[in-house]
Amino acid sequence: MQFFLSVYYEGYKIDTNAVMQRGKQIEPDVAMFNGLRLFFETSVWNDAELKDKNDWLKEVQGK
């Protein structure tokens, strides 16, 4: 996810759902896994791919 956001960094910077910490937007390379997952859930994935990818990442996160 961090690699994807490094390619689309300019879009990430202006996205209203970018990962925030203490009220400030943080760089994707220092964002925690859950923050990135939530960003992708709200801003990157379309409805058709959302459930499968989000469920898979939750499973990975739980291990």
Protein backbone atom coordinates (compact mmCIF):
# COMPACT_ATOMS: atom_id res chain seq x y z
CA MET A 1 0.00 0.00 0.00
CA GLN A 2 2.86 2.36 0.76
CA PHE A 3 4.39 1.67 -2.66
CA PHE A 4 1.07 2.45 -4.39
CA LEU A 5 0.83 5.74 -2.51
CA SER A 6 4.40 6.67 -3.39
CA VAL A 7 3.39 6.43 -7.06
CA TYR A 8 0.16 8.39 -6.51
CA TYR A 9 1.55 10.69 -3.83
CA GLU A 10 0.17 13.94 -5.25
CA GLY A 11 -3.34 12.49 -5.23
CA TYR A 12 -2.86 11.24 -1.67
CA LYS A 13 -1.79 14.70 -0.47
CA ILE A 14 -5.03 16.33 -1.61
CA ASP A 15 -7.38 13.51 -0.57
CA THR A 16 -9.66 14.44 2.32
CA ASN A 17 -9.44 10.86 3.64
CA ALA A 18 -5.64 10.86 3.91
CA VAL A 19 -4.22 9.30 7.07
CA MET A 20 -4.22 11.79 9.94
CA GLN A 21 -2.43 11.77 13.27
CA ARG A 22 -3.05 14.42 15.93
CA GLY A 23 -4.99 16.48 13.39
CA LYS A 24 -2.21 16.56 10.81
CA GLN A 25 -1.88 14.59 7.60
CA ILE A 26 0.99 12.12 7.75
CA GLU A 27 3.17 10.74 5.01
CA PRO A 28 2.13 7.31 3.73
CA ASP A 29 5.56 5.83 4.47
CA VAL A 30 5.11 6.43 8.22
CA ALA A 31 1.41 5.55 8.41
CA MET A 32 0.40 2.50 10.41
CA PHE A 33 -1.20 -0.49 8.69
CA ASN A 34 -4.73 0.18 9.92
CA GLY A 35 -4.63 3.80 8.80
CA LEU A 36 -3.56 2.75 5.33
CA ARG A 37 -6.26 0.06 5.21
CA LEU A 38 -8.92 2.60 6.14
CA PHE A 39 -7.63 5.06 3.55
CA PHE A 40 -7.79 2.43 0.82
CA GLU A 41 -11.27 1.43 2.01
CA THR A 42 -12.60 4.98 1.65
CA SER A 43 -10.57 6.39 -1.25
CA VAL A 44 -8.99 3.75 -3.45
CA TRP A 45 -11.03 0.59 -3.83
CA ASN A 46 -14.31 0.57 -5.72
CA ASP A 47 -17.40 -1.19 -4.36
CA ALA A 48 -16.75 -4.38 -6.36
CA GLU A 49 -13.32 -4.98 -4.82
CA LEU A 50 -13.81 -3.41 -1.39
CA LYS A 51 -15.13 -6.36 0.63
CA ASP A 52 -12.65 -8.99 -0.59
CA LYS A 53 -9.57 -6.82 -0.22
CA ASN A 54 -10.61 -5.31 3.09
CA ASP A 55 -11.48 -8.73 4.56
CA TRP A 56 -8.13 -10.12 3.41
CA LEU A 57 -6.20 -7.22 4.95
CA LYS A 58 -8.09 -7.60 8.22
CA GLU A 59 -7.08 -11.29 8.25
CA VAL A 60 -3.44 -10.37 7.61
CA GLN A 61 -3.60 -7.71 10.31
CA GLY A 62 -4.92 -10.22 12.82
CA LYS A 63 -2.00 -12.62 12.40
